[in-house]
PDB file of N, CA and C in Angstrom:
ATOM      1  N   MET A   1       9.318 -51.027 -33.464  1.00  0.00           N
ATOM      2  CA  MET A   1       9.992 -50.166 -32.190  1.00  0.00           C
ATOM      3  C   MET A   1      11.530 -49.640 -32.941  1.00  0.00           C
ATOM      4  N   PRO A   2      11.719 -48.510 -32.802  1.00  0.00           N
ATOM      5  CA  PRO A   2      13.083 -47.744 -33.350  1.00  0.00           C
ATOM      6  C   PRO A   2      14.242 -48.950 -32.251  1.00  0.00           C
ATOM      7  N   LYS A   3      15.351 -48.664 -32.879  1.00  0.00           N
ATOM      8  CA  LYS A   3      16.754 -49.157 -32.371  1.00  0.00           C
ATOM      9  C   LYS A   3      16.868 -48.246 -31.015  1.00  0.00           C
ATOM     10  N   LEU A   4      17.685 -48.939 -29.975  1.00  0.00           N
ATOM     11  CA  LEU A   4      17.976 -48.392 -28.700  1.00  0.00           C
ATOM     12  C   LEU A   4      19.455 -47.918 -28.796  1.00  0.00           C
ATOM     13  N   LYS A   5      19.880 -46.845 -28.378  1.00  0.00           N
ATOM     14  CA  LYS A   5      20.904 -46.306 -28.492  1.00  0.00           C
ATOM     15  C   LYS A   5      21.705 -46.490 -27.148  1.00  0.00           C
ATOM     16  N   THR A   6      23.040 -46.771 -27.401  1.00  0.00           N
ATOM     17  CA  THR A   6      23.859 -47.475 -26.088  1.00  0.00           C
ATOM     18  C   THR A   6      24.703 -45.955 -25.704  1.00  0.00           C
ATOM     19  N   LYS A   7      24.868 -45.953 -24.502  1.00  0.00           N
ATOM     20  CA  LYS A   7      25.177 -44.822 -23.919  1.00  0.00           C
ATOM     21  C   LYS A   7      26.795 -44.857 -24.107  1.00  0.00           C
ATOM     22  N   SER A   8      27.204 -43.730 -24.688  1.00  0.00           N
ATOM     23  CA  SER A   8      28.669 -43.637 -25.238  1.00  0.00           C
ATOM     24  C   SER A   8      29.393 -43.834 -24.051  1.00  0.00           C
ATOM     25  N   GLY A   9      29.484 -43.206 -22.973  1.00  0.00           N
ATOM     26  CA  GLY A   9      30.293 -43.336 -21.970  1.00  0.00           C
ATOM     27  C   GLY A   9      30.344 -44.825 -21.304  1.00  0.00           C
ATOM     28  N   ALA A  10      29.465 -45.591 -21.301  1.00  0.00           N
ATOM     29  CA  ALA A  10      29.487 -47.198 -20.834  1.00  0.00           C
ATOM     30  C   ALA A  10      30.429 -47.583 -21.901  1.00  0.00           C
ATOM     31  N   LYS A  11      29.757 -47.541 -23.191  1.00  0.00           N
ATOM     32  CA  LYS A  11      30.633 -48.071 -24.258  1.00  0.00           C
ATOM     33  C   LYS A  11      32.235 -47.835 -24.051  1.00  0.00           C
ATOM     34  N   LYS A  12      32.586 -46.640 -23.744  1.00  0.00           N
ATOM     35  CA  LYS A  12      33.920 -46.750 -23.766  1.00  0.00           C
ATOM     36  C   LYS A  12      34.445 -47.378 -22.187  1.00  0.00           C
ATOM     37  N   ARG A  13      34.009 -47.541 -21.370  1.00  0.00           N
ATOM     38  CA  ARG A  13      34.359 -47.803 -19.888  1.00  0.00           C
ATOM     39  C   ARG A  13      34.198 -49.462 -19.923  1.00  0.00           C
ATOM     40  N   PHE A  14      33.233 -50.193 -20.316  1.00  0.00           N
ATOM     41  CA  PHE A  14      32.786 -51.324 -19.950  1.00  0.00           C
ATOM     42  C   PHE A  14      32.515 -52.399 -21.151  1.00  0.00           C
ATOM     43  N   LYS A  15      33.183 -53.470 -20.879  1.00  0.00           N
ATOM     44  CA  LYS A  15      32.857 -54.650 -21.822  1.00  0.00           C
ATOM     45  C   LYS A  15      32.214 -55.783 -21.095  1.00  0.00           C
ATOM     46  N   LEU A  16      31.377 -56.989 -22.081  1.00  0.00           N
ATOM     47  CA  LEU A  16      30.628 -57.680 -21.605  1.00  0.00           C
ATOM     48  C   LEU A  16      31.659 -58.835 -21.972  1.00  0.00           C
ATOM     49  N   THR A  17      31.697 -59.656 -20.917  1.00  0.00           N
ATOM     50  CA  THR A  17      32.446 -60.941 -20.914  1.00  0.00           C
ATOM     51  C   THR A  17      31.312 -61.995 -21.838  1.00  0.00           C
ATOM     52  N   ALA A  18      31.832 -62.987 -22.286  1.00  0.00           N
ATOM     53  CA  ALA A  18      31.107 -64.041 -23.096  1.00  0.00           C
ATOM     54  C   ALA A  18      30.134 -64.886 -22.178  1.00  0.00           C
ATOM     55  N   SER A  19      30.040 -64.926 -20.550  1.00  0.00           N
ATOM     56  CA  SER A  19      29.005 -65.329 -20.054  1.00  0.00           C
ATOM     57  C   SER A  19      28.229 -64.311 -19.586  1.00  0.00           C
ATOM     58  N   GLY A  20      28.368 -63.022 -20.097  1.00  0.00           N
ATOM     59  CA  GLY A  20      27.292 -61.955 -19.480  1.00  0.00           C
ATOM     60  C   GLY A  20      27.349 -60.925 -18.689  1.00  0.00           C
ATOM     61  N   LYS A  21      28.909 -61.031 -17.752  1.00  0.00           N
ATOM     62  CA  LYS A  21      29.321 -60.590 -16.602  1.00  0.00           C
ATOM     63  C   LYS A  21      29.901 -59.198 -17.249  1.00  0.00           C
ATOM     64  N   VAL A  22      30.158 -58.006 -16.483  1.00  0.00           N
ATOM     65  CA  VAL A  22      30.519 -56.624 -16.863  1.00  0.00           C
ATOM     66  C   VAL A  22      31.944 -56.703 -16.246  1.00  0.00           C
ATOM     67  N   ARG A  23      32.934 -56.268 -17.331  1.00  0.00           N
ATOM     68  CA  ARG A  23      34.121 -55.802 -16.927  1.00  0.00           C
ATOM     69  C   ARG A  23      34.266 -54.754 -17.097  1.00  0.00           C
ATOM     70  N   SER A  24      35.180 -53.948 -15.812  1.00  0.00           N
ATOM     71  CA  SER A  24      35.345 -52.657 -16.099  1.00  0.00           C
ATOM     72  C   SER A  24      37.131 -52.500 -15.706  1.00  0.00           C
ATOM     73  N   GLY A  25      37.367 -51.105 -15.716  1.00  0.00           N
ATOM     74  CA  GLY A  25      38.756 -50.954 -14.996  1.00  0.00           C
ATOM     75  C   GLY A  25      38.690 -50.790 -13.523  1.00  0.00           C
ATOM     76  N   GLN A  26      40.115 -50.881 -12.762  1.00  0.00           N
ATOM     77  CA  GLN A  26      39.971 -50.835 -11.536  1.00  0.00           C
ATOM     78  C   GLN A  26      39.806 -49.275 -10.986  1.00  0.00           C
ATOM     79  N   ALA A  27      38.869 -49.211  -9.971  1.00  0.00           N
ATOM     80  CA  ALA A  27      38.630 -48.016  -9.479  1.00  0.00           C
ATOM     81  C   ALA A  27      39.697 -47.356  -8.904  1.00  0.00           C
ATOM     82  N   GLY A  28      40.197 -46.179  -8.455  1.00  0.00           N
ATOM     83  CA  GLY A  28      40.993 -45.792  -7.575  1.00  0.00           C
ATOM     84  C   GLY A  28      42.455 -45.737  -8.516  1.00  0.00           C
ATOM     85  N   LYS A  29      42.396 -45.609  -9.489  1.00  0.00           N
ATOM     86  CA  LYS A  29      43.670 -45.616 -10.198  1.00  0.00           C
ATOM     87  C   LYS A  29      44.196 -44.385 -10.818  1.00  0.00           C
ATOM     88  N   GLN A  30      43.366 -43.331 -10.933  1.00  0.00           N
ATOM     89  CA  GLN A  30      43.618 -41.980 -11.455  1.00  0.00           C
ATOM     90  C   GLN A  30      44.615 -41.054 -10.956  1.00  0.00           C
ATOM     91  N   HIS A  31      44.828 -40.805  -9.826  1.00  0.00           N
ATOM     92  CA  HIS A  31      45.893 -40.070  -9.088  1.00  0.00           C
ATOM     93  C   HIS A  31      45.920 -40.363  -7.753  1.00  0.00           C
ATOM     94  N   GLY A  32      46.865 -39.738  -7.207  1.00  0.00           N
ATOM     95  CA  GLY A  32      47.341 -40.049  -5.708  1.00  0.00           C
ATOM     96  C   GLY A  32      47.982 -41.455  -5.443  1.00  0.00           C
ATOM     97  N   MET A  33      48.990 -42.026  -6.253  1.00  0.00           N
ATOM     98  CA  MET A  33      49.172 -43.340  -5.895  1.00  0.00           C
ATOM     99  C   MET A  33      50.202 -43.222  -4.425  1.00  0.00           C
ATOM    100  N   ILE A  34      50.662 -42.106  -4.494  1.00  0.00           N
ATOM    101  CA  ILE A  34      51.751 -41.784  -3.491  1.00  0.00           C
ATOM    102  C   ILE A  34      51.277 -42.081  -1.882  1.00  0.00           C
ATOM    103  N   LYS A  35      50.019 -42.032  -1.780  1.00  0.00           N
ATOM    104  CA  LYS A  35      49.527 -41.965  -0.498  1.00  0.00           C
ATOM    105  C   LYS A  35      48.849 -43.157  -0.430  1.00  0.00           C
ATOM    106  N   ARG A  36      48.978 -44.430  -1.473  1.00  0.00           N
ATOM    107  CA  ARG A  36      48.281 -45.778  -1.320  1.00  0.00           C
ATOM    108  C   ARG A  36      49.293 -46.735  -1.227  1.00  0.00           C
ATOM    109  N   SER A  37      49.243 -47.921  -0.389  1.00  0.00           N
ATOM    110  CA  SER A  37      50.135 -48.889  -0.206  1.00  0.00           C
ATOM    111  C   SER A  37      50.514 -49.643  -1.486  1.00  0.00           C
ATOM    112  N   ASN A  38      51.576 -50.193  -1.481  1.00  0.00           N
ATOM    113  CA  ASN A  38      52.192 -50.992  -2.530  1.00  0.00           C
ATOM    114  C   ASN A  38      51.201 -52.103  -3.084  1.00  0.00           C
ATOM    115  N   LYS A  39      50.924 -52.709  -1.834  1.00  0.00           N
ATOM    116  CA  LYS A  39      49.771 -53.853  -2.021  1.00  0.00           C
ATOM    117  C   LYS A  39      48.485 -53.319  -2.759  1.00  0.00           C
ATOM    118  N   THR A  40      48.002 -52.232  -2.394  1.00  0.00           N
ATOM    119  CA  THR A  40      46.644 -51.857  -2.842  1.00  0.00           C
ATOM    120  C   THR A  40      46.913 -51.644  -4.248  1.00  0.00           C
ATOM    121  N   LEU A  41      47.967 -51.088  -4.852  1.00  0.00           N
ATOM    122  CA  LEU A  41      48.489 -50.774  -6.190  1.00  0.00           C
ATOM    123  C   LEU A  41      48.631 -52.300  -6.874  1.00  0.00           C
ATOM    124  N   ARG A  42      49.069 -53.099  -6.426  1.00  0.00           N
ATOM    125  CA  ARG A  42      49.322 -54.244  -6.853  1.00  0.00           C
ATOM    126  C   ARG A  42      48.051 -55.033  -7.268  1.00  0.00           C
ATOM    127  N   ASN A  43      47.432 -54.834  -6.411  1.00  0.00           N
ATOM    128  CA  ASN A  43      45.830 -55.557  -6.312  1.00  0.00           C
ATOM    129  C   ASN A  43      44.929 -54.797  -7.342  1.00  0.00           C
ATOM    130  N   GLN A  44      45.366 -53.546  -8.078  1.00  0.00           N
ATOM    131  CA  GLN A  44      44.518 -52.804  -8.626  1.00  0.00           C
ATOM    132  C   GLN A  44      44.756 -52.961 -10.152  1.00  0.00           C
ATOM    133  N   ARG A  45      45.665 -53.725 -10.403  1.00  0.00           N
ATOM    134  CA  ARG A  45      46.074 -53.616 -11.868  1.00  0.00           C
ATOM    135  C   ARG A  45      45.134 -54.438 -12.543  1.00  0.00           C
ATOM    136  N   GLY A  46      44.922 -54.001 -13.855  1.00  0.00           N
ATOM    137  CA  GLY A  46      44.019 -54.845 -14.813  1.00  0.00           C
ATOM    138  C   GLY A  46      42.875 -54.343 -14.840  1.00  0.00           C
ATOM    139  N   THR A  47      41.922 -55.441 -14.763  1.00  0.00           N
ATOM    140  CA  THR A  47      40.351 -55.096 -14.898  1.00  0.00           C
ATOM    141  C   THR A  47      39.617 -55.875 -13.645  1.00  0.00           C
ATOM    142  N   THR A  48      38.680 -55.656 -13.631  1.00  0.00           N
ATOM    143  CA  THR A  48      37.934 -56.475 -12.374  1.00  0.00           C
ATOM    144  C   THR A  48      36.468 -56.686 -13.047  1.00  0.00           C
ATOM    145  N   ILE A  49      35.854 -57.440 -12.133  1.00  0.00           N
ATOM    146  CA  ILE A  49      34.280 -58.067 -12.658  1.00  0.00           C
ATOM    147  C   ILE A  49      33.368 -56.974 -11.579  1.00  0.00           C
ATOM    148  N   LEU A  50      32.322 -56.169 -12.064  1.00  0.00           N
ATOM    149  CA  LEU A  50      31.544 -55.671 -11.546  1.00  0.00           C
ATOM    150  C   LEU A  50      30.591 -56.447 -10.464  1.00  0.00           C
ATOM    151  N   CYS A  51      30.096 -55.888  -9.257  1.00  0.00           N
ATOM    152  CA  CYS A  51      29.327 -56.797  -8.651  1.00  0.00           C
ATOM    153  C   CYS A  51      27.542 -56.827  -9.425  1.00  0.00           C
ATOM    154  N   ASP A  52      26.826 -57.654  -9.130  1.00  0.00           N
ATOM    155  CA  ASP A  52      25.748 -57.901  -9.884  1.00  0.00           C
ATOM    156  C   ASP A  52      24.714 -56.755  -9.798  1.00  0.00           C
ATOM    157  N   ALA A  53      24.759 -56.100  -8.837  1.00  0.00           N
ATOM    158  CA  ALA A  53      23.877 -54.708  -8.621  1.00  0.00           C
ATOM    159  C   ALA A  53      24.369 -53.793  -9.641  1.00  0.00           C
ATOM    160  N   ASP A  54      25.820 -53.516  -9.790  1.00  0.00           N
ATOM    161  CA  ASP A  54      26.025 -52.585 -10.442  1.00  0.00           C
ATOM    162  C   ASP A  54      26.161 -52.887 -11.990  1.00  0.00           C
ATOM    163  N   ALA A  55      26.321 -54.334 -12.220  1.00  0.00           N
ATOM    164  CA  ALA A  55      26.305 -54.657 -13.654  1.00  0.00           C
ATOM    165  C   ALA A  55      24.708 -54.610 -14.085  1.00  0.00           C
ATOM    166  N   ARG A  56      23.907 -54.676 -13.062  1.00  0.00           N
ATOM    167  CA  ARG A  56      22.703 -54.434 -13.826  1.00  0.00           C
ATOM    168  C   ARG A  56      22.224 -53.026 -14.267  1.00  0.00           C
ATOM    169  N   ILE A  57      22.817 -52.449 -13.843  1.00  0.00           N
ATOM    170  CA  ILE A  57      22.723 -50.689 -14.096  1.00  0.00           C
ATOM    171  C   ILE A  57      23.468 -50.656 -15.608  1.00  0.00           C
ATOM    172  N   VAL A  58      24.597 -51.285 -15.479  1.00  0.00           N
ATOM    173  CA  VAL A  58      25.573 -50.802 -16.738  1.00  0.00           C
ATOM    174  C   VAL A  58      24.734 -51.485 -17.628  1.00  0.00           C
ATOM    175  N   LYS A  59      24.147 -52.791 -17.693  1.00  0.00           N
ATOM    176  CA  LYS A  59      23.748 -53.390 -18.774  1.00  0.00           C
ATOM    177  C   LYS A  59      22.354 -52.707 -19.305  1.00  0.00           C
ATOM    178  N   LYS A  60      21.641 -51.847 -18.386  1.00  0.00           N
ATOM    179  CA  LYS A  60      20.713 -51.188 -19.287  1.00  0.00           C
ATOM    180  C   LYS A  60      21.217 -50.111 -20.003  1.00  0.00           C
ATOM    181  N   PHE A  61      22.423 -49.718 -19.845  1.00  0.00           N
ATOM    182  CA  PHE A  61      22.973 -48.680 -20.736  1.00  0.00           C
ATOM    183  C   PHE A  61      23.590 -49.326 -22.068  1.00  0.00           C
ATOM    184  N   MET A  62      23.768 -50.435 -22.187  1.00  0.00           N
ATOM    185  CA  MET A  62      24.363 -51.279 -23.146  1.00  0.00           C
ATOM    186  C   MET A  62      23.247 -52.360 -23.885  1.00  0.00           C
ATOM    187  N   PRO A  63      22.113 -51.855 -24.705  1.00  0.00           N
ATOM    188  CA  PRO A  63      21.154 -52.611 -24.774  1.00  0.00           C
ATOM    189  C   PRO A  63      21.507 -53.873 -25.735  1.00  0.00           C
ATOM    190  N   TYR A  64      22.440 -53.884 -26.425  1.00  0.00           N
ATOM    191  CA  TYR A  64      22.797 -54.833 -27.392  1.00  0.00           C
ATOM    192  C   TYR A  64      24.340 -55.460 -27.346  1.00  0.00           C
ATOM    193  N   GLY A  65      24.666 -55.402 -25.960  1.00  0.00           N
ATOM    194  CA  GLY A  65      25.993 -56.021 -25.372  1.00  0.00           C
ATOM    195  C   GLY A  65      27.209 -55.289 -25.757  1.00  0.00           C
TER     196      GLY A  65
END
């Protein structure tokens, strides 16, 4: 079998943790901060773990981790 290619967009946006979960940046932080509350912006710092349904999709794009 030939090697599978990793999707370039997924490679740039997601990382796999040691336990196999998918880590990604927080959504909703690109623009429009002025209309969001300070609490929302505080909670959106850093990265987050994707839910299982979304992680399953992303893992198909990254066959080798």
